Amino acid sequence: MEEKKIIYKIIFYNQGDVYELYAHKISQSNLYAFIEIEDLIFGERSKVLVDPSEEKLKSEFSAVNRSYIPMQAIIRIDEVTKEGANKIHKKSNTDNKVTPFPFNITPPNNNPGGKS
């Protein structure tokens, strides 16, 4: 009997666009404030209908074993029952009515002058 693999849908910001990826493994990284994504899923769709954004993602992540996404870039992570198409949602200047909250992921310096 084949073991059913868990599928995650990860939605995050990347250079102003919103990426939607599917993967089998995610975890908190050893790198401070990063999420680690492994085993990305790219479905074998019909070769007649080609989605340009999925093809771009497939080529962008083709040689990637593991990807590290900053926590502040993550919009949402869902555990889903089946995979969907990976997508890139382009940034639209007319739809952007919400300003993102600024994040500072650098830990505070408790000794700014270096003096004891």
PDB file of N, CA and C in Angstrom:
ATOM      1  N   MET A   1       0.842  -1.188   0.000  1.00  0.00           N
ATOM      2  CA  MET A   1       0.000   0.000   0.000  1.00  0.00           C
ATOM      3  C   MET A   1       0.888   1.253   0.000  1.00  0.00           C
ATOM      4  N   GLU A   2       0.563   2.178  -0.866  1.00  0.00           N
ATOM      5  CA  GLU A   2       1.363   3.392  -1.010  1.00  0.00           C
ATOM      6  C   GLU A   2       0.987   4.409   0.064  1.00  0.00           C
ATOM      7  N   GLU A   3       2.009   4.985   0.703  1.00  0.00           N
ATOM      8  CA  GLU A   3       1.780   5.996   1.728  1.00  0.00           C
ATOM      9  C   GLU A   3       1.412   7.320   1.061  1.00  0.00           C
ATOM     10  N   LYS A   4       0.341   7.941   1.536  1.00  0.00           N
ATOM     11  CA  LYS A   4      -0.104   9.212   0.966  1.00  0.00           C
ATOM     12  C   LYS A   4       0.779  10.342   1.490  1.00  0.00           C
ATOM     13  N   LYS A   5       1.358  11.098   0.562  1.00  0.00           N
ATOM     14  CA  LYS A   5       2.223  12.213   0.950  1.00  0.00           C
ATOM     15  C   LYS A   5       1.379  13.453   1.240  1.00  0.00           C
ATOM     16  N   ILE A   6       1.797  14.196   2.233  1.00  0.00           N
ATOM     17  CA  ILE A   6       1.144  15.459   2.569  1.00  0.00           C
ATOM     18  C   ILE A   6       1.520  16.493   1.512  1.00  0.00           C
ATOM     19  N   ILE A   7       0.556  17.312   1.130  1.00  0.00           N
ATOM     20  CA  ILE A   7       0.792  18.370   0.148  1.00  0.00           C
ATOM     21  C   ILE A   7       0.520  19.715   0.804  1.00  0.00           C
ATOM     22  N   TYR A   8       1.464  20.646   0.660  1.00  0.00           N
ATOM     23  CA  TYR A   8       1.317  21.994   1.191  1.00  0.00           C
ATOM     24  C   TYR A   8       1.234  22.985   0.040  1.00  0.00           C
ATOM     25  N   LYS A   9       0.372  23.979   0.203  1.00  0.00           N
ATOM     26  CA  LYS A   9       0.314  25.111  -0.726  1.00  0.00           C
ATOM     27  C   LYS A   9       0.927  26.299  -0.001  1.00  0.00           C
ATOM     28  N   ILE A  10       1.983  26.855  -0.575  1.00  0.00           N
ATOM     29  CA  ILE A  10       2.702  27.975   0.032  1.00  0.00           C
ATOM     30  C   ILE A  10       2.498  29.199  -0.841  1.00  0.00           C
ATOM     31  N   ILE A  11       1.990  30.266  -0.245  1.00  0.00           N
ATOM     32  CA  ILE A  11       1.779  31.526  -0.962  1.00  0.00           C
ATOM     33  C   ILE A  11       2.681  32.571  -0.315  1.00  0.00           C
ATOM     34  N   PHE A  12       3.508  33.229  -1.144  1.00  0.00           N
ATOM     35  CA  PHE A  12       4.466  34.193  -0.599  1.00  0.00           C
ATOM     36  C   PHE A  12       4.784  35.274  -1.623  1.00  0.00           C
ATOM     37  N   TYR A  13       5.325  36.388  -1.107  1.00  0.00           N
ATOM     38  CA  TYR A  13       5.773  37.486  -1.960  1.00  0.00           C
ATOM     39  C   TYR A  13       7.183  37.203  -2.450  1.00  0.00           C
ATOM     40  N   ASN A  14       7.433  37.507  -3.726  1.00  0.00           N
ATOM     41  CA  ASN A  14       8.781  37.421  -4.279  1.00  0.00           C
ATOM     42  C   ASN A  14       8.957  38.561  -5.274  1.00  0.00           C
ATOM     43  N   GLN A  15       9.756  39.529  -4.940  1.00  0.00           N
ATOM     44  CA  GLN A  15      10.065  40.681  -5.781  1.00  0.00           C
ATOM     45  C   GLN A  15       8.796  41.365  -6.302  1.00  0.00           C
ATOM     46  N   GLY A  16       7.839  41.572  -5.411  1.00  0.00           N
ATOM     47  CA  GLY A  16       6.621  42.300  -5.756  1.00  0.00           C
ATOM     48  C   GLY A  16       5.504  41.456  -6.316  1.00  0.00           C
ATOM     49  N   ASP A  17       5.789  40.222  -6.732  1.00  0.00           N
ATOM     50  CA  ASP A  17       4.751  39.323  -7.233  1.00  0.00           C
ATOM     51  C   ASP A  17       4.368  38.344  -6.132  1.00  0.00           C
ATOM     52  N   VAL A  18       3.226  37.689  -6.303  1.00  0.00           N
ATOM     53  CA  VAL A  18       2.785  36.670  -5.357  1.00  0.00           C
ATOM     54  C   VAL A  18       2.970  35.310  -6.016  1.00  0.00           C
ATOM     55  N   TYR A  19       3.758  34.458  -5.358  1.00  0.00           N
ATOM     56  CA  TYR A  19       4.020  33.108  -5.858  1.00  0.00           C
ATOM     57  C   TYR A  19       3.140  32.126  -5.099  1.00  0.00           C
ATOM     58  N   GLU A  20       2.641  31.130  -5.814  1.00  0.00           N
ATOM     59  CA  GLU A  20       1.849  30.053  -5.217  1.00  0.00           C
ATOM     60  C   GLU A  20       2.508  28.745  -5.641  1.00  0.00           C
ATOM     61  N   LEU A  21       3.106  28.038  -4.674  1.00  0.00           N
ATOM     62  CA  LEU A  21       3.829  26.798  -4.949  1.00  0.00           C
ATOM     63  C   LEU A  21       3.248  25.651  -4.132  1.00  0.00           C
ATOM     64  N   TYR A  22       3.439  24.437  -4.635  1.00  0.00           N
ATOM     65  CA  TYR A  22       3.036  23.226  -3.931  1.00  0.00           C
ATOM     66  C   TYR A  22       4.283  22.422  -3.617  1.00  0.00           C
ATOM     67  N   ALA A  23       4.334  21.858  -2.396  1.00  0.00           N
ATOM     68  CA  ALA A  23       5.498  21.089  -1.969  1.00  0.00           C
ATOM     69  C   ALA A  23       5.058  19.990  -1.007  1.00  0.00           C
ATOM     70  N   HIS A  24       5.920  18.973  -0.880  1.00  0.00           N
ATOM     71  CA  HIS A  24       5.637  17.876   0.049  1.00  0.00           C
ATOM     72  C   HIS A  24       6.232  18.126   1.431  1.00  0.00           C
ATOM     73  N   LYS A  25       7.277  18.948   1.518  1.00  0.00           N
ATOM     74  CA  LYS A  25       7.939  19.151   2.809  1.00  0.00           C
ATOM     75  C   LYS A  25       8.162  20.639   3.065  1.00  0.00           C
ATOM     76  N   ILE A  26       7.779  21.083   4.257  1.00  0.00           N
ATOM     77  CA  ILE A  26       8.126  22.428   4.720  1.00  0.00           C
ATOM     78  C   ILE A  26       8.530  22.325   6.183  1.00  0.00           C
ATOM     79  N   SER A  27       9.389  23.229   6.606  1.00  0.00           N
ATOM     80  CA  SER A  27       9.804  23.251   8.006  1.00  0.00           C
ATOM     81  C   SER A  27      10.418  24.598   8.321  1.00  0.00           C
ATOM     82  N   GLN A  28      10.558  24.845   9.616  1.00  0.00           N
ATOM     83  CA  GLN A  28      11.257  26.048  10.040  1.00  0.00           C
ATOM     84  C   GLN A  28      12.745  25.787   9.835  1.00  0.00           C
ATOM     85  N   SER A  29      13.414  26.702   9.197  1.00  0.00           N
ATOM     86  CA  SER A  29      14.817  26.527   8.858  1.00  0.00           C
ATOM     87  C   SER A  29      15.726  26.802  10.043  1.00  0.00           C
ATOM     88  N   ASN A  30      16.940  26.289   9.962  1.00  0.00           N
ATOM     89  CA  ASN A  30      17.966  26.643  10.937  1.00  0.00           C
ATOM     90  C   ASN A  30      18.450  28.068  10.724  1.00  0.00           C
ATOM     91  N   LEU A  31      18.221  28.612   9.516  1.00  0.00           N
ATOM     92  CA  LEU A  31      18.527  30.013   9.259  1.00  0.00           C
ATOM     93  C   LEU A  31      17.459  30.858   9.945  1.00  0.00           C
ATOM     94  N   TYR A  32      17.871  31.844  10.674  1.00  0.00           N
ATOM     95  CA  TYR A  32      16.947  32.676  11.437  1.00  0.00           C
ATOM     96  C   TYR A  32      15.889  33.303  10.530  1.00  0.00           C
ATOM     97  N   ALA A  33      14.609  33.118  10.863  1.00  0.00           N
ATOM     98  CA  ALA A  33      13.461  33.750  10.209  1.00  0.00           C
ATOM     99  C   ALA A  33      13.228  33.286   8.767  1.00  0.00           C
ATOM    100  N   PHE A  34      13.548  32.033   8.473  1.00  0.00           N
ATOM    101  CA  PHE A  34      13.296  31.476   7.152  1.00  0.00           C
ATOM    102  C   PHE A  34      12.483  30.189   7.256  1.00  0.00           C
ATOM    103  N   ILE A  35      11.642  29.954   6.257  1.00  0.00           N
ATOM    104  CA  ILE A  35      10.909  28.702   6.106  1.00  0.00           C
ATOM    105  C   ILE A  35      11.615  27.904   5.010  1.00  0.00           C
ATOM    106  N   GLU A  36      11.811  26.630   5.257  1.00  0.00           N
ATOM    107  CA  GLU A  36      12.507  25.752   4.320  1.00  0.00           C
ATOM    108  C   GLU A  36      11.463  24.945   3.537  1.00  0.00           C
ATOM    109  N   ILE A  37      11.564  24.970   2.217  1.00  0.00           N
ATOM    110  CA  ILE A  37      10.629  24.258   1.352  1.00  0.00           C
ATOM    111  C   ILE A  37      11.415  23.243   0.531  1.00  0.00           C
ATOM    112  N   GLU A  38      10.963  21.981   0.557  1.00  0.00           N
ATOM    113  CA  GLU A  38      11.618  20.910  -0.188  1.00  0.00           C
ATOM    114  C   GLU A  38      10.587  20.141  -0.998  1.00  0.00           C
ATOM    115  N   ASP A  39      11.073  19.399  -1.961  1.00  0.00           N
ATOM    116  CA  ASP A  39      10.255  18.492  -2.762  1.00  0.00           C
ATOM    117  C   ASP A  39       9.081  19.226  -3.415  1.00  0.00           C
ATOM    118  N   LEU A  40       9.419  20.238  -4.217  1.00  0.00           N
ATOM    119  CA  LEU A  40       8.400  21.006  -4.932  1.00  0.00           C
ATOM    120  C   LEU A  40       7.662  20.115  -5.910  1.00  0.00           C
ATOM    121  N   ILE A  41       6.375  20.385  -6.093  1.00  0.00           N
ATOM    122  CA  ILE A  41       5.530  19.579  -6.967  1.00  0.00           C
ATOM    123  C   ILE A  41       5.211  20.376  -8.220  1.00  0.00           C
ATOM    124  N   PHE A  42       5.571  19.818  -9.356  1.00  0.00           N
ATOM    125  CA  PHE A  42       5.201  20.389 -10.648  1.00  0.00           C
ATOM    126  C   PHE A  42       4.437  19.310 -11.388  1.00  0.00           C
ATOM    127  N   GLY A  43       3.129  19.497 -11.526  1.00  0.00           N
ATOM    128  CA  GLY A  43       2.282  18.501 -12.161  1.00  0.00           C
ATOM    129  C   GLY A  43       2.581  18.368 -13.638  1.00  0.00           C
ATOM    130  N   GLU A  44       2.421  17.181 -14.122  1.00  0.00           N
ATOM    131  CA  GLU A  44       2.570  16.932 -15.556  1.00  0.00           C
ATOM    132  C   GLU A  44       1.232  17.205 -16.215  1.00  0.00           C
ATOM    133  N   ARG A  45       1.072  18.368 -16.717  1.00  0.00           N
ATOM    134  CA  ARG A  45      -0.168  18.782 -17.368  1.00  0.00           C
ATOM    135  C   ARG A  45      -0.116  18.418 -18.842  1.00  0.00           C
ATOM    136  N   SER A  46      -1.202  18.604 -19.495  1.00  0.00           N
ATOM    137  CA  SER A  46      -1.277  18.369 -20.934  1.00  0.00           C
ATOM    138  C   SER A  46      -0.297  19.293 -21.645  1.00  0.00           C
ATOM    139  N   LYS A  47       0.388  18.778 -22.621  1.00  0.00           N
ATOM    140  CA  LYS A  47       1.361  19.583 -23.363  1.00  0.00           C
ATOM    141  C   LYS A  47       0.667  20.501 -24.372  1.00  0.00           C
ATOM    142  N   VAL A  48      -0.643  20.315 -24.582  1.00  0.00           N
ATOM    143  CA  VAL A  48      -1.386  21.155 -25.518  1.00  0.00           C
ATOM    144  C   VAL A  48      -1.609  22.540 -24.915  1.00  0.00           C
ATOM    145  N   LEU A  49      -1.987  22.577 -23.638  1.00  0.00           N
ATOM    146  CA  LEU A  49      -2.251  23.841 -22.956  1.00  0.00           C
ATOM    147  C   LEU A  49      -1.103  24.119 -21.990  1.00  0.00           C
ATOM    148  N   VAL A  50      -0.344  25.167 -22.246  1.00  0.00           N
ATOM    149  CA  VAL A  50       0.824  25.496 -21.429  1.00  0.00           C
ATOM    150  C   VAL A  50       0.569  26.807 -20.701  1.00  0.00           C
ATOM    151  N   ASP A  51       0.720  26.775 -19.366  1.00  0.00           N
ATOM    152  CA  ASP A  51       0.563  27.969 -18.542  1.00  0.00           C
ATOM    153  C   ASP A  51       1.928  28.648 -18.430  1.00  0.00           C
ATOM    154  N   PRO A  52       2.083  29.877 -18.962  1.00  0.00           N
ATOM    155  CA  PRO A  52       3.401  30.533 -18.946  1.00  0.00           C
ATOM    156  C   PRO A  52       3.954  30.762 -17.543  1.00  0.00           C
ATOM    157  N   SER A  53       3.088  31.078 -16.553  1.00  0.00           N
ATOM    158  CA  SER A  53       3.605  31.328 -15.205  1.00  0.00           C
ATOM    159  C   SER A  53       4.109  30.035 -14.571  1.00  0.00           C
ATOM    160  N   GLU A  54       3.426  28.913 -14.827  1.00  0.00           N
ATOM    161  CA  GLU A  54       3.910  27.640 -14.281  1.00  0.00           C
ATOM    162  C   GLU A  54       5.210  27.222 -14.963  1.00  0.00           C
ATOM    163  N   GLU A  55       5.325  27.468 -16.256  1.00  0.00           N
ATOM    164  CA  GLU A  55       6.558  27.145 -16.966  1.00  0.00           C
ATOM    165  C   GLU A  55       7.721  27.998 -16.455  1.00  0.00           C
ATOM    166  N   LYS A  56       7.439  29.275 -16.143  1.00  0.00           N
ATOM    167  CA  LYS A  56       8.486  30.145 -15.591  1.00  0.00           C
ATOM    168  C   LYS A  56       8.944  29.628 -14.228  1.00  0.00           C
ATOM    169  N   LEU A  57       7.982  29.225 -13.389  1.00  0.00           N
ATOM    170  CA  LEU A  57       8.327  28.677 -12.075  1.00  0.00           C
ATOM    171  C   LEU A  57       9.104  27.371 -12.216  1.00  0.00           C
ATOM    172  N   LYS A  58       8.685  26.543 -13.147  1.00  0.00           N
ATOM    173  CA  LYS A  58       9.359  25.258 -13.366  1.00  0.00           C
ATOM    174  C   LYS A  58      10.814  25.489 -13.757  1.00  0.00           C
ATOM    175  N   SER A  59      11.067  26.455 -14.636  1.00  0.00           N
ATOM    176  CA  SER A  59      12.447  26.735 -15.032  1.00  0.00           C
ATOM    177  C   SER A  59      13.223  27.431 -13.916  1.00  0.00           C
ATOM    178  N   GLU A  60      12.563  28.302 -13.160  1.00  0.00           N
ATOM    179  CA  GLU A  60      13.228  29.011 -12.060  1.00  0.00           C
ATOM    180  C   GLU A  60      13.660  28.053 -10.947  1.00  0.00           C
ATOM    181  N   PHE A  61      12.835  27.038 -10.670  1.00  0.00           N
ATOM    182  CA  PHE A  61      13.119  26.112  -9.574  1.00  0.00           C
ATOM    183  C   PHE A  61      13.603  24.745 -10.060  1.00  0.00           C
ATOM    184  N   SER A  62      13.995  24.622 -11.320  1.00  0.00           N
ATOM    185  CA  SER A  62      14.360  23.309 -11.876  1.00  0.00           C
ATOM    186  C   SER A  62      15.570  22.681 -11.187  1.00  0.00           C
ATOM    187  N   ALA A  63      16.562  23.450 -10.834  1.00  0.00           N
ATOM    188  CA  ALA A  63      17.772  22.910 -10.208  1.00  0.00           C
ATOM    189  C   ALA A  63      17.798  23.126  -8.700  1.00  0.00           C
ATOM    190  N   VAL A  64      16.666  23.475  -8.108  1.00  0.00           N
ATOM    191  CA  VAL A  64      16.600  23.788  -6.679  1.00  0.00           C
ATOM    192  C   VAL A  64      16.230  22.532  -5.890  1.00  0.00           C
ATOM    193  N   ASN A  65      17.077  22.167  -4.925  1.00  0.00           N
ATOM    194  CA  ASN A  65      16.768  21.051  -4.027  1.00  0.00           C
ATOM    195  C   ASN A  65      15.941  21.518  -2.842  1.00  0.00           C
ATOM    196  N   ARG A  66      16.271  22.711  -2.371  1.00  0.00           N
ATOM    197  CA  ARG A  66      15.640  23.256  -1.164  1.00  0.00           C
ATOM    198  C   ARG A  66      15.614  24.768  -1.322  1.00  0.00           C
ATOM    199  N   SER A  67      14.500  25.375  -0.936  1.00  0.00           N
ATOM    200  CA  SER A  67      14.383  26.833  -1.040  1.00  0.00           C
ATOM    201  C   SER A  67      14.100  27.407   0.347  1.00  0.00           C
ATOM    202  N   TYR A  68      14.672  28.550   0.627  1.00  0.00           N
ATOM    203  CA  TYR A  68      14.488  29.235   1.908  1.00  0.00           C
ATOM    204  C   TYR A  68      13.725  30.525   1.651  1.00  0.00           C
ATOM    205  N   ILE A  69      12.552  30.638   2.240  1.00  0.00           N
ATOM    206  CA  ILE A  69      11.691  31.799   2.050  1.00  0.00           C
ATOM    207  C   ILE A  69      11.652  32.582   3.364  1.00  0.00           C
ATOM    208  N   PRO A  70      11.908  33.895   3.321  1.00  0.00           N
ATOM    209  CA  PRO A  70      11.835  34.690   4.561  1.00  0.00           C
ATOM    210  C   PRO A  70      10.422  34.657   5.142  1.00  0.00           C
ATOM    211  N   MET A  71      10.343  34.524   6.470  1.00  0.00           N
ATOM    212  CA  MET A  71       9.033  34.442   7.135  1.00  0.00           C
ATOM    213  C   MET A  71       8.144  35.637   6.828  1.00  0.00           C
ATOM    214  N   GLN A  72       8.720  36.821   6.724  1.00  0.00           N
ATOM    215  CA  GLN A  72       7.899  38.006   6.485  1.00  0.00           C
ATOM    216  C   GLN A  72       7.341  38.037   5.065  1.00  0.00           C
ATOM    217  N   ALA A  73       7.858  37.186   4.173  1.00  0.00           N
ATOM    218  CA  ALA A  73       7.338  37.112   2.807  1.00  0.00           C
ATOM    219  C   ALA A  73       6.160  36.137   2.696  1.00  0.00           C
ATOM    220  N   ILE A  74       6.011  35.257   3.677  1.00  0.00           N
ATOM    221  CA  ILE A  74       4.950  34.243   3.647  1.00  0.00           C
ATOM    222  C   ILE A  74       3.600  34.904   3.877  1.00  0.00           C
ATOM    223  N   ILE A  75       2.660  34.616   2.994  1.00  0.00           N
ATOM    224  CA  ILE A  75       1.285  35.079   3.165  1.00  0.00           C
ATOM    225  C   ILE A  75       0.474  33.998   3.861  1.00  0.00           C
ATOM    226  N   ARG A  76       0.639  32.748   3.370  1.00  0.00           N
ATOM    227  CA  ARG A  76      -0.189  31.681   3.894  1.00  0.00           C
ATOM    228  C   ARG A  76       0.419  30.330   3.525  1.00  0.00           C
ATOM    229  N   ILE A  77       0.243  29.341   4.422  1.00  0.00           N
ATOM    230  CA  ILE A  77       0.626  27.959   4.150  1.00  0.00           C
ATOM    231  C   ILE A  77      -0.572  27.090   4.498  1.00  0.00           C
ATOM    232  N   ASP A  78      -1.021  26.296   3.531  1.00  0.00           N
ATOM    233  CA  ASP A  78      -2.167  25.402   3.728  1.00  0.00           C
ATOM    234  C   ASP A  78      -1.743  23.970   3.475  1.00  0.00           C
ATOM    235  N   GLU A  79      -2.286  23.041   4.261  1.00  0.00           N
ATOM    236  CA  GLU A  79      -2.171  21.625   3.940  1.00  0.00           C
ATOM    237  C   GLU A  79      -3.398  21.289   3.111  1.00  0.00           C
ATOM    238  N   VAL A  80      -3.202  20.790   1.890  1.00  0.00           N
ATOM    239  CA  VAL A  80      -4.307  20.553   0.962  1.00  0.00           C
ATOM    240  C   VAL A  80      -4.398  19.071   0.615  1.00  0.00           C
ATOM    241  N   THR A  81      -5.540  18.676   0.062  1.00  0.00           N
ATOM    242  CA  THR A  81      -5.736  17.272  -0.285  1.00  0.00           C
ATOM    243  C   THR A  81      -5.161  16.915  -1.641  1.00  0.00           C
ATOM    244  N   LYS A  82      -5.080  17.881  -2.558  1.00  0.00           N
ATOM    245  CA  LYS A  82      -4.469  17.601  -3.856  1.00  0.00           C
ATOM    246  C   LYS A  82      -3.767  18.853  -4.361  1.00  0.00           C
ATOM    247  N   GLU A  83      -2.799  18.622  -5.229  1.00  0.00           N
ATOM    248  CA  GLU A  83      -2.008  19.727  -5.764  1.00  0.00           C
ATOM    249  C   GLU A  83      -2.800  20.499  -6.815  1.00  0.00           C
ATOM    250  N   GLY A  84      -2.408  21.718  -7.005  1.00  0.00           N
ATOM    251  CA  GLY A  84      -2.971  22.550  -8.055  1.00  0.00           C
ATOM    252  C   GLY A  84      -1.845  23.050  -8.938  1.00  0.00           C
ATOM    253  N   ALA A  85      -2.162  24.004  -9.755  1.00  0.00           N
ATOM    254  CA  ALA A  85      -1.147  24.580 -10.639  1.00  0.00           C
ATOM    255  C   ALA A  85      -0.343  25.626  -9.873  1.00  0.00           C
ATOM    256  N   ASN A  86       0.968  25.586 -10.037  1.00  0.00           N
ATOM    257  CA  ASN A  86       1.821  26.632  -9.475  1.00  0.00           C
ATOM    258  C   ASN A  86       1.581  27.903 -10.279  1.00  0.00           C
ATOM    259  N   LYS A  87       1.549  29.051  -9.595  1.00  0.00           N
ATOM    260  CA  LYS A  87       1.188  30.300 -10.266  1.00  0.00           C
ATOM    261  C   LYS A  87       2.049  31.451  -9.790  1.00  0.00           C
ATOM    262  N   ILE A  88       2.126  32.463 -10.649  1.00  0.00           N
ATOM    263  CA  ILE A  88       2.673  33.762 -10.275  1.00  0.00           C
ATOM    264  C   ILE A  88       1.570  34.773 -10.531  1.00  0.00           C
ATOM    265  N   HIS A  89       1.177  35.487  -9.488  1.00  0.00           N
ATOM    266  CA  HIS A  89       0.188  36.552  -9.630  1.00  0.00           C
ATOM    267  C   HIS A  89       0.969  37.856  -9.727  1.00  0.00           C
ATOM    268  N   LYS A  90       0.883  38.506 -10.864  1.00  0.00           N
ATOM    269  CA  LYS A  90       1.624  39.744 -11.087  1.00  0.00           C
ATOM    270  C   LYS A  90       1.066  40.867 -10.234  1.00  0.00           C
ATOM    271  N   LYS A  91       1.961  41.726  -9.796  1.00  0.00           N
ATOM    272  CA  LYS A  91       1.586  42.892  -8.998  1.00  0.00           C
ATOM    273  C   LYS A  91       0.791  43.863  -9.859  1.00  0.00           C
ATOM    274  N   SER A  92      -0.297  44.360  -9.304  1.00  0.00           N
ATOM    275  CA  SER A  92      -1.118  45.337 -10.007  1.00  0.00           C
ATOM    276  C   SER A  92      -1.129  46.624  -9.201  1.00  0.00           C
ATOM    277  N   ASN A  93      -0.739  47.721  -9.821  1.00  0.00           N
ATOM    278  CA  ASN A  93      -0.691  49.006  -9.115  1.00  0.00           C
ATOM    279  C   ASN A  93      -2.074  49.519  -8.745  1.00  0.00           C
ATOM    280  N   THR A  94      -3.099  49.142  -9.502  1.00  0.00           N
ATOM    281  CA  THR A  94      -4.445  49.645  -9.222  1.00  0.00           C
ATOM    282  C   THR A  94      -5.106  48.897  -8.077  1.00  0.00           C
ATOM    283  N   ASP A  95      -4.713  47.636  -7.847  1.00  0.00           N
ATOM    284  CA  ASP A  95      -5.336  46.837  -6.790  1.00  0.00           C
ATOM    285  C   ASP A  95      -4.664  47.014  -5.436  1.00  0.00           C
ATOM    286  N   ASN A  96      -3.501  47.620  -5.394  1.00  0.00           N
ATOM    287  CA  ASN A  96      -2.723  47.697  -4.171  1.00  0.00           C
ATOM    288  C   ASN A  96      -3.196  48.861  -3.302  1.00  0.00           C
ATOM    289  N   LYS A  97      -4.128  48.573  -2.385  1.00  0.00           N
ATOM    290  CA  LYS A  97      -4.648  49.598  -1.487  1.00  0.00           C
ATOM    291  C   LYS A  97      -4.179  49.391  -0.054  1.00  0.00           C
ATOM    292  N   VAL A  98      -3.407  48.329   0.181  1.00  0.00           N
ATOM    293  CA  VAL A  98      -2.933  48.015   1.516  1.00  0.00           C
ATOM    294  C   VAL A  98      -1.421  48.107   1.524  1.00  0.00           C
ATOM    295  N   THR A  99      -0.883  48.867   2.469  1.00  0.00           N
ATOM    296  CA  THR A  99       0.559  48.972   2.627  1.00  0.00           C
ATOM    297  C   THR A  99       1.006  47.912   3.619  1.00  0.00           C
ATOM    298  N   PRO A 100       1.981  47.060   3.254  1.00  0.00           N
ATOM    299  CA  PRO A 100       2.411  46.017   4.188  1.00  0.00           C
ATOM    300  C   PRO A 100       3.089  46.615   5.409  1.00  0.00           C
ATOM    301  N   PHE A 101       2.892  45.966   6.546  1.00  0.00           N
ATOM    302  CA  PHE A 101       3.511  46.374   7.795  1.00  0.00           C
ATOM    303  C   PHE A 101       5.009  46.127   7.696  1.00  0.00           C
ATOM    304  N   PRO A 102       5.850  47.117   8.026  1.00  0.00           N
ATOM    305  CA  PRO A 102       7.302  46.903   7.920  1.00  0.00           C
ATOM    306  C   PRO A 102       7.795  45.947   9.009  1.00  0.00           C
ATOM    307  N   PHE A 103       8.686  45.060   8.611  1.00  0.00           N
ATOM    308  CA  PHE A 103       9.253  44.100   9.547  1.00  0.00           C
ATOM    309  C   PHE A 103      10.733  44.350   9.708  1.00  0.00           C
ATOM    310  N   ASN A 104      11.212  44.212  10.933  1.00  0.00           N
ATOM    311  CA  ASN A 104      12.641  44.263  11.207  1.00  0.00           C
ATOM    312  C   ASN A 104      13.002  42.918  11.805  1.00  0.00           C
ATOM    313  N   ILE A 105      13.671  42.066  11.039  1.00  0.00           N
ATOM    314  CA  ILE A 105      13.991  40.732  11.533  1.00  0.00           C
ATOM    315  C   ILE A 105      15.349  40.667  12.217  1.00  0.00           C
ATOM    316  N   THR A 106      16.054  41.790  12.273  1.00  0.00           N
ATOM    317  CA  THR A 106      17.350  41.832  12.935  1.00  0.00           C
ATOM    318  C   THR A 106      17.124  41.927  14.440  1.00  0.00           C
ATOM    319  N   PRO A 107      17.751  41.042  15.210  1.00  0.00           N
ATOM    320  CA  PRO A 107      17.587  41.129  16.665  1.00  0.00           C
ATOM    321  C   PRO A 107      18.144  42.454  17.198  1.00  0.00           C
ATOM    322  N   PRO A 108      17.522  43.008  18.228  1.00  0.00           N
ATOM    323  CA  PRO A 108      18.014  44.292  18.754  1.00  0.00           C
ATOM    324  C   PRO A 108      19.424  44.134  19.335  1.00  0.00           C
ATOM    325  N   ASN A 109      20.215  45.181  19.165  1.00  0.00           N
ATOM    326  CA  ASN A 109      21.573  45.200  19.702  1.00  0.00           C
ATOM    327  C   ASN A 109      21.492  45.736  21.127  1.00  0.00           C
ATOM    328  N   ASN A 110      21.715  44.863  22.098  1.00  0.00           N
ATOM    329  CA  ASN A 110      21.609  45.249  23.512  1.00  0.00           C
ATOM    330  C   ASN A 110      22.808  46.060  23.992  1.00  0.00           C
ATOM    331  N   ASN A 111      23.866  46.068  23.208  1.00  0.00           N
ATOM    332  CA  ASN A 111      25.069  46.774  23.591  1.00  0.00           C
ATOM    333  C   ASN A 111      25.555  47.588  22.386  1.00  0.00           C
ATOM    334  N   PRO A 112      24.830  48.697  22.044  1.00  0.00           N
ATOM    335  CA  PRO A 112      25.139  49.430  20.818  1.00  0.00           C
ATOM    336  C   PRO A 112      26.516  50.060  20.771  1.00  0.00           C
ATOM    337  N   GLY A 113      27.069  50.492  21.876  1.00  0.00           N
ATOM    338  CA  GLY A 113      28.367  51.163  21.874  1.00  0.00           C
ATOM    339  C   GLY A 113      29.531  50.206  21.998  1.00  0.00           C
ATOM    340  N   GLY A 114      29.233  48.947  22.282  1.00  0.00           N
ATOM    341  CA  GLY A 114      30.297  47.967  22.446  1.00  0.00           C
ATOM    342  C   GLY A 114      31.016  48.083  23.772  1.00  0.00           C
ATOM    343  N   LYS A 115      30.504  48.954  24.677  1.00  0.00           N
ATOM    344  CA  LYS A 115      31.137  49.137  25.985  1.00  0.00           C
ATOM    345  C   LYS A 115      30.443  48.284  27.030  1.00  0.00           C
ATOM    346  N   SER A 116      31.190  47.791  27.970  1.00  0.00           N
ATOM    347  CA  SER A 116      30.622  46.967  29.036  1.00  0.00           C
ATOM    348  C   SER A 116      30.235  47.796  30.227  1.00  0.00           C
TER     349      SER A 116
END
